[in-house]
Amino acid sequence: MTAGDHAPDTARANLLGSVWMVIAMAGFAVEDMFIKSASQELPVGQVMTAFGLGGAIVFAIVATIRGEVFLTRQALGRTMAIRTFFEIGGRLFYTLAIALTPLSSVTAILQATPIVVVAGAALFFCENVGWRRWSAIGAGLAGVLIILRPGAEAFNALSILAVLGM
C-alpha cells in the first residue's frame, strides 16, 4: 500500500469536513439572527438563558443517546468553573454586541477570532509565527478595520463588546 492509496479517503474526509463546517457556520449565522430578533423584544439575560437552556437540553439528549457521561468530577472541578465563568462573560458580551450593534460589524469582528488566536499564541505563549503569517494577520486585521471604519461617523463604539466576546 502506498501513500497514494489513501488519497481518495483523505479527499472524501476533507470534503465531508468542509460540508460540516459550512453547515455549522450557517447554523451560527441563523443563531445570530435569532438572537438579534429575540433581543429586540426580550432583555439580553432572558435571551442568554433561553439559548443556554436550549443548548444544554440538546447536549444532554445527544450525550444520553450516545451513552456519554457528561457530569463527571472533572467537569465540576475548579478549572472548569473558571472556564465556565469566562465562557459566560464572553457570551454575555457577544450577545450584547448582537443586540446593540449592526450584525455585520459583529460578524466581521467574530471572523477575526482565528487571527487574534494566532497573534495571541505568538505574543503570550511564544509560539513560532513566521513573517508570512504575521503579514496575513496584519492584512486580516486591516480588513476588519476597513469593514468597521473606526474613524467614520457610522462607527459604533459598542462594537468593542464583540471584541470582548471573542
C-alpha atoms as a PDB file:
ATOM      1  CA  MET A   1       0.000   0.000   0.000  1.00  0.00           C
ATOM      2  CA  THR A   2       1.348   3.424  -0.915  1.00  0.00           C
ATOM      3  CA  ALA A   3       0.544   6.875   0.317  1.00  0.00           C
ATOM      4  CA  GLY A   4      -1.467   7.436  -2.867  1.00  0.00           C
ATOM      5  CA  ASP A   5      -3.894   4.661  -1.877  1.00  0.00           C
ATOM      6  CA  HIS A   6      -5.206   6.822   0.966  1.00  0.00           C
ATOM      7  CA  ALA A   7      -5.778   9.902  -1.228  1.00  0.00           C
ATOM      8  CA  PRO A   8      -9.454   9.146  -2.042  1.00  0.00           C
ATOM      9  CA  ASP A   9     -10.208   8.552   1.650  1.00  0.00           C
ATOM     10  CA  THR A  10      -8.463  11.781   2.619  1.00  0.00           C
ATOM     11  CA  ALA A  11     -10.177  13.767  -0.129  1.00  0.00           C
ATOM     12  CA  ARG A  12     -13.579  12.395   0.901  1.00  0.00           C
ATOM     13  CA  ALA A  13     -12.889  13.133   4.575  1.00  0.00           C
ATOM     14  CA  ASN A  14     -11.790  16.682   3.696  1.00  0.00           C
ATOM     15  CA  LEU A  15     -14.919  17.215   1.607  1.00  0.00           C
ATOM     16  CA  LEU A  16     -17.139  15.874   4.379  1.00  0.00           C
ATOM     17  CA  GLY A  17     -15.368  18.078   6.923  1.00  0.00           C
ATOM     18  CA  SER A  18     -15.861  21.095   4.671  1.00  0.00           C
ATOM     19  CA  VAL A  19     -19.566  20.337   4.296  1.00  0.00           C
ATOM     20  CA  TRP A  20     -19.993  20.051   8.062  1.00  0.00           C
ATOM     21  CA  MET A  21     -18.082  23.317   8.555  1.00  0.00           C
ATOM     22  CA  VAL A  22     -20.387  25.122   6.116  1.00  0.00           C
ATOM     23  CA  ILE A  23     -23.438  23.682   7.895  1.00  0.00           C
ATOM     24  CA  ALA A  24     -22.052  24.730  11.293  1.00  0.00           C
ATOM     25  CA  MET A  25     -21.294  28.273  10.119  1.00  0.00           C
ATOM     26  CA  ALA A  26     -24.787  28.552   8.622  1.00  0.00           C
ATOM     27  CA  GLY A  27     -26.172  27.394  11.960  1.00  0.00           C
ATOM     28  CA  PHE A  28     -24.204  30.091  13.790  1.00  0.00           C
ATOM     29  CA  ALA A  29     -25.482  32.730  11.343  1.00  0.00           C
ATOM     30  CA  VAL A  30     -29.062  31.588  11.946  1.00  0.00           C
ATOM     31  CA  GLU A  31     -28.464  31.635  15.708  1.00  0.00           C
ATOM     32  CA  ASP A  32     -27.136  35.201  15.484  1.00  0.00           C
ATOM     33  CA  MET A  33     -30.244  36.190  13.533  1.00  0.00           C
ATOM     34  CA  PHE A  34     -32.488  34.659  16.202  1.00  0.00           C
ATOM     35  CA  ILE A  35     -30.514  36.373  18.976  1.00  0.00           C
ATOM     36  CA  LYS A  36     -30.808  39.733  17.195  1.00  0.00           C
ATOM     37  CA  SER A  37     -34.544  39.207  16.728  1.00  0.00           C
ATOM     38  CA  ALA A  38     -35.173  37.956  20.278  1.00  0.00           C
ATOM     39  CA  SER A  39     -33.141  40.766  21.847  1.00  0.00           C
ATOM     40  CA  GLN A  40     -35.460  43.320  20.251  1.00  0.00           C
ATOM     41  CA  GLU A  41     -38.305  42.021  22.442  1.00  0.00           C
ATOM     42  CA  LEU A  42     -36.582  40.476  25.484  1.00  0.00           C
ATOM     43  CA  PRO A  43     -33.791  41.522  27.862  1.00  0.00           C
ATOM     44  CA  VAL A  44     -30.368  40.108  26.999  1.00  0.00           C
ATOM     45  CA  GLY A  45     -30.322  37.992  30.175  1.00  0.00           C
ATOM     46  CA  GLN A  46     -33.510  36.211  29.167  1.00  0.00           C
ATOM     47  CA  VAL A  47     -32.201  35.649  25.641  1.00  0.00           C
ATOM     48  CA  MET A  48     -28.990  34.122  27.030  1.00  0.00           C
ATOM     49  CA  THR A  49     -30.936  31.949  29.455  1.00  0.00           C
ATOM     50  CA  ALA A  50     -33.279  30.675  26.748  1.00  0.00           C
ATOM     51  CA  PHE A  51     -30.476  29.857  24.315  1.00  0.00           C
ATOM     52  CA  GLY A  52     -28.296  28.393  27.080  1.00  0.00           C
ATOM     53  CA  LEU A  53     -31.028  26.123  28.388  1.00  0.00           C
ATOM     54  CA  GLY A  54     -31.967  25.090  24.867  1.00  0.00           C
ATOM     55  CA  GLY A  55     -28.365  24.182  24.088  1.00  0.00           C
ATOM     56  CA  ALA A  56     -27.941  22.348  27.393  1.00  0.00           C
ATOM     57  CA  ILE A  57     -31.076  20.294  26.779  1.00  0.00           C
ATOM     58  CA  VAL A  58     -29.976  19.326  23.258  1.00  0.00           C
ATOM     59  CA  PHE A  59     -26.484  18.475  24.560  1.00  0.00           C
ATOM     60  CA  ALA A  60     -27.898  16.329  27.374  1.00  0.00           C
ATOM     61  CA  ILE A  61     -30.192  14.449  24.983  1.00  0.00           C
ATOM     62  CA  VAL A  62     -27.409  13.743  22.478  1.00  0.00           C
ATOM     63  CA  ALA A  63     -24.971  12.710  25.237  1.00  0.00           C
ATOM     64  CA  THR A  64     -27.565  10.406  26.784  1.00  0.00           C
ATOM     65  CA  ILE A  65     -28.387   8.794  23.431  1.00  0.00           C
ATOM     66  CA  ARG A  66     -24.679   8.182  22.822  1.00  0.00           C
ATOM     67  CA  GLY A  67     -24.218   6.777  26.329  1.00  0.00           C
ATOM     68  CA  GLU A  68     -21.776   9.536  27.311  1.00  0.00           C
ATOM     69  CA  VAL A  69     -21.282  10.593  30.905  1.00  0.00           C
ATOM     70  CA  PHE A  70     -21.250  14.380  30.942  1.00  0.00           C
ATOM     71  CA  LEU A  71     -21.344  15.283  34.633  1.00  0.00           C
ATOM     72  CA  THR A  72     -18.001  13.969  35.833  1.00  0.00           C
ATOM     73  CA  ARG A  73     -15.853  15.121  38.722  1.00  0.00           C
ATOM     74  CA  GLN A  74     -13.540  16.861  36.230  1.00  0.00           C
ATOM     75  CA  ALA A  75     -16.462  18.710  34.652  1.00  0.00           C
ATOM     76  CA  LEU A  76     -17.463  20.033  38.060  1.00  0.00           C
ATOM     77  CA  GLY A  77     -13.934  20.998  39.148  1.00  0.00           C
ATOM     78  CA  ARG A  78     -12.350  24.387  39.771  1.00  0.00           C
ATOM     79  CA  THR A  79     -10.690  24.616  36.353  1.00  0.00           C
ATOM     80  CA  MET A  80     -13.987  24.066  34.569  1.00  0.00           C
ATOM     81  CA  ALA A  81     -15.692  26.581  36.861  1.00  0.00           C
ATOM     82  CA  ILE A  82     -13.147  29.222  35.846  1.00  0.00           C
ATOM     83  CA  ARG A  83     -13.561  28.343  32.177  1.00  0.00           C
ATOM     84  CA  THR A  84     -17.350  28.461  32.529  1.00  0.00           C
ATOM     85  CA  PHE A  85     -17.124  31.906  34.143  1.00  0.00           C
ATOM     86  CA  PHE A  86     -15.153  33.251  31.185  1.00  0.00           C
ATOM     87  CA  GLU A  87     -17.406  31.484  28.659  1.00  0.00           C
ATOM     88  CA  ILE A  88     -20.467  33.122  30.212  1.00  0.00           C
ATOM     89  CA  GLY A  89     -18.723  36.504  30.199  1.00  0.00           C
ATOM     90  CA  GLY A  90     -17.741  36.127  26.564  1.00  0.00           C
ATOM     91  CA  ARG A  91     -21.231  35.028  25.630  1.00  0.00           C
ATOM     92  CA  LEU A  92     -22.725  37.990  27.512  1.00  0.00           C
ATOM     93  CA  PHE A  93     -20.562  40.500  25.648  1.00  0.00           C
ATOM     94  CA  TYR A  94     -21.224  38.790  22.321  1.00  0.00           C
ATOM     95  CA  THR A  95     -24.991  38.742  22.906  1.00  0.00           C
ATOM     96  CA  LEU A  96     -24.906  42.405  23.932  1.00  0.00           C
ATOM     97  CA  ALA A  97     -22.936  43.209  20.781  1.00  0.00           C
ATOM     98  CA  ILE A  98     -25.508  41.430  18.612  1.00  0.00           C
ATOM     99  CA  ALA A  99     -28.347  43.230  20.404  1.00  0.00           C
ATOM    100  CA  LEU A 100     -26.837  46.728  20.342  1.00  0.00           C
ATOM    101  CA  THR A 101     -24.756  46.960  17.153  1.00  0.00           C
ATOM    102  CA  PRO A 102     -25.202  46.112  13.477  1.00  0.00           C
ATOM    103  CA  LEU A 103     -24.944  42.383  12.851  1.00  0.00           C
ATOM    104  CA  SER A 104     -22.427  42.990  10.038  1.00  0.00           C
ATOM    105  CA  SER A 105     -19.971  44.606  12.468  1.00  0.00           C
ATOM    106  CA  VAL A 106     -20.284  41.791  14.991  1.00  0.00           C
ATOM    107  CA  THR A 107     -19.817  39.174  12.268  1.00  0.00           C
ATOM    108  CA  ALA A 108     -16.707  40.923  10.905  1.00  0.00           C
ATOM    109  CA  ILE A 109     -15.161  41.023  14.366  1.00  0.00           C
ATOM    110  CA  LEU A 110     -16.031  37.398  15.065  1.00  0.00           C
ATOM    111  CA  GLN A 111     -14.435  36.292  11.791  1.00  0.00           C
ATOM    112  CA  ALA A 112     -11.169  37.759  13.097  1.00  0.00           C
ATOM    113  CA  THR A 113     -11.086  35.311  16.022  1.00  0.00           C
ATOM    114  CA  PRO A 114      -8.613  32.861  14.390  1.00  0.00           C
ATOM    115  CA  ILE A 115      -6.326  35.776  13.539  1.00  0.00           C
ATOM    116  CA  VAL A 116      -6.390  37.013  17.127  1.00  0.00           C
ATOM    117  CA  VAL A 117      -5.797  33.486  18.448  1.00  0.00           C
ATOM    118  CA  VAL A 118      -2.643  33.073  16.335  1.00  0.00           C
ATOM    119  CA  ALA A 119      -1.369  36.522  17.327  1.00  0.00           C
ATOM    120  CA  GLY A 120      -2.129  35.795  20.991  1.00  0.00           C
ATOM    121  CA  ALA A 121      -0.359  32.439  20.841  1.00  0.00           C
ATOM    122  CA  ALA A 122       2.722  34.133  19.423  1.00  0.00           C
ATOM    123  CA  LEU A 123       2.708  37.023  21.879  1.00  0.00           C
ATOM    124  CA  PHE A 124       1.691  35.254  25.094  1.00  0.00           C
ATOM    125  CA  PHE A 125       2.882  31.671  24.601  1.00  0.00           C
ATOM    126  CA  CYS A 126       5.974  32.346  22.439  1.00  0.00           C
ATOM    127  CA  GLU A 127       4.666  30.215  19.571  1.00  0.00           C
ATOM    128  CA  ASN A 128       6.749  30.435  16.418  1.00  0.00           C
ATOM    129  CA  VAL A 129       4.939  32.534  13.803  1.00  0.00           C
ATOM    130  CA  GLY A 130       6.816  33.376  10.620  1.00  0.00           C
ATOM    131  CA  TRP A 131       6.733  36.606   8.682  1.00  0.00           C
ATOM    132  CA  ARG A 132       4.171  35.249   6.198  1.00  0.00           C
ATOM    133  CA  ARG A 133       1.679  34.550   8.967  1.00  0.00           C
ATOM    134  CA  TRP A 134       2.362  37.920  10.592  1.00  0.00           C
ATOM    135  CA  SER A 135       1.703  39.504   7.194  1.00  0.00           C
ATOM    136  CA  ALA A 136      -1.571  37.584   6.933  1.00  0.00           C
ATOM    137  CA  ILE A 137      -2.506  38.621  10.482  1.00  0.00           C
ATOM    138  CA  GLY A 138      -1.829  42.263   9.640  1.00  0.00           C
ATOM    139  CA  ALA A 139      -3.825  42.047   6.410  1.00  0.00           C
ATOM    140  CA  GLY A 140      -6.704  40.320   8.186  1.00  0.00           C
ATOM    141  CA  LEU A 141      -6.857  42.901  10.963  1.00  0.00           C
ATOM    142  CA  ALA A 142      -6.627  45.701   8.385  1.00  0.00           C
ATOM    143  CA  GLY A 143      -9.586  44.114   6.595  1.00  0.00           C
ATOM    144  CA  VAL A 144     -11.612  44.120   9.797  1.00  0.00           C
ATOM    145  CA  LEU A 145     -10.748  47.801  10.335  1.00  0.00           C
ATOM    146  CA  ILE A 146     -11.849  48.602   6.774  1.00  0.00           C
ATOM    147  CA  ILE A 147     -15.194  46.927   7.435  1.00  0.00           C
ATOM    148  CA  LEU A 148     -15.665  48.624  10.817  1.00  0.00           C
ATOM    149  CA  ARG A 149     -14.427  52.102   9.722  1.00  0.00           C
ATOM    150  CA  PRO A 150     -13.412  53.231  13.232  1.00  0.00           C
ATOM    151  CA  GLY A 151     -12.836  56.852  12.156  1.00  0.00           C
ATOM    152  CA  ALA A 152     -16.146  57.246  10.333  1.00  0.00           C
ATOM    153  CA  GLU A 153     -19.267  58.637  11.929  1.00  0.00           C
ATOM    154  CA  ALA A 154     -21.028  55.336  11.186  1.00  0.00           C
ATOM    155  CA  PHE A 155     -18.694  53.569  13.646  1.00  0.00           C
ATOM    156  CA  ASN A 156     -20.417  52.276  16.762  1.00  0.00           C
ATOM    157  CA  ALA A 157     -18.212  52.300  19.880  1.00  0.00           C
ATOM    158  CA  LEU A 158     -20.310  49.433  21.257  1.00  0.00           C
ATOM    159  CA  SER A 159     -18.549  47.212  18.701  1.00  0.00           C
ATOM    160  CA  ILE A 160     -15.916  46.743  21.412  1.00  0.00           C
ATOM    161  CA  LEU A 161     -18.458  44.399  23.050  1.00  0.00           C
ATOM    162  CA  ALA A 162     -17.899  41.947  20.194  1.00  0.00           C
ATOM    163  CA  VAL A 163     -14.132  42.137  20.747  1.00  0.00           C
ATOM    164  CA  LEU A 164     -14.655  41.352  24.435  1.00  0.00           C
ATOM    165  CA  GLY A 165     -16.952  38.495  23.420  1.00  0.00           C
ATOM    166  CA  MET A 166     -14.220  36.844  21.365  1.00  0.00           C
END
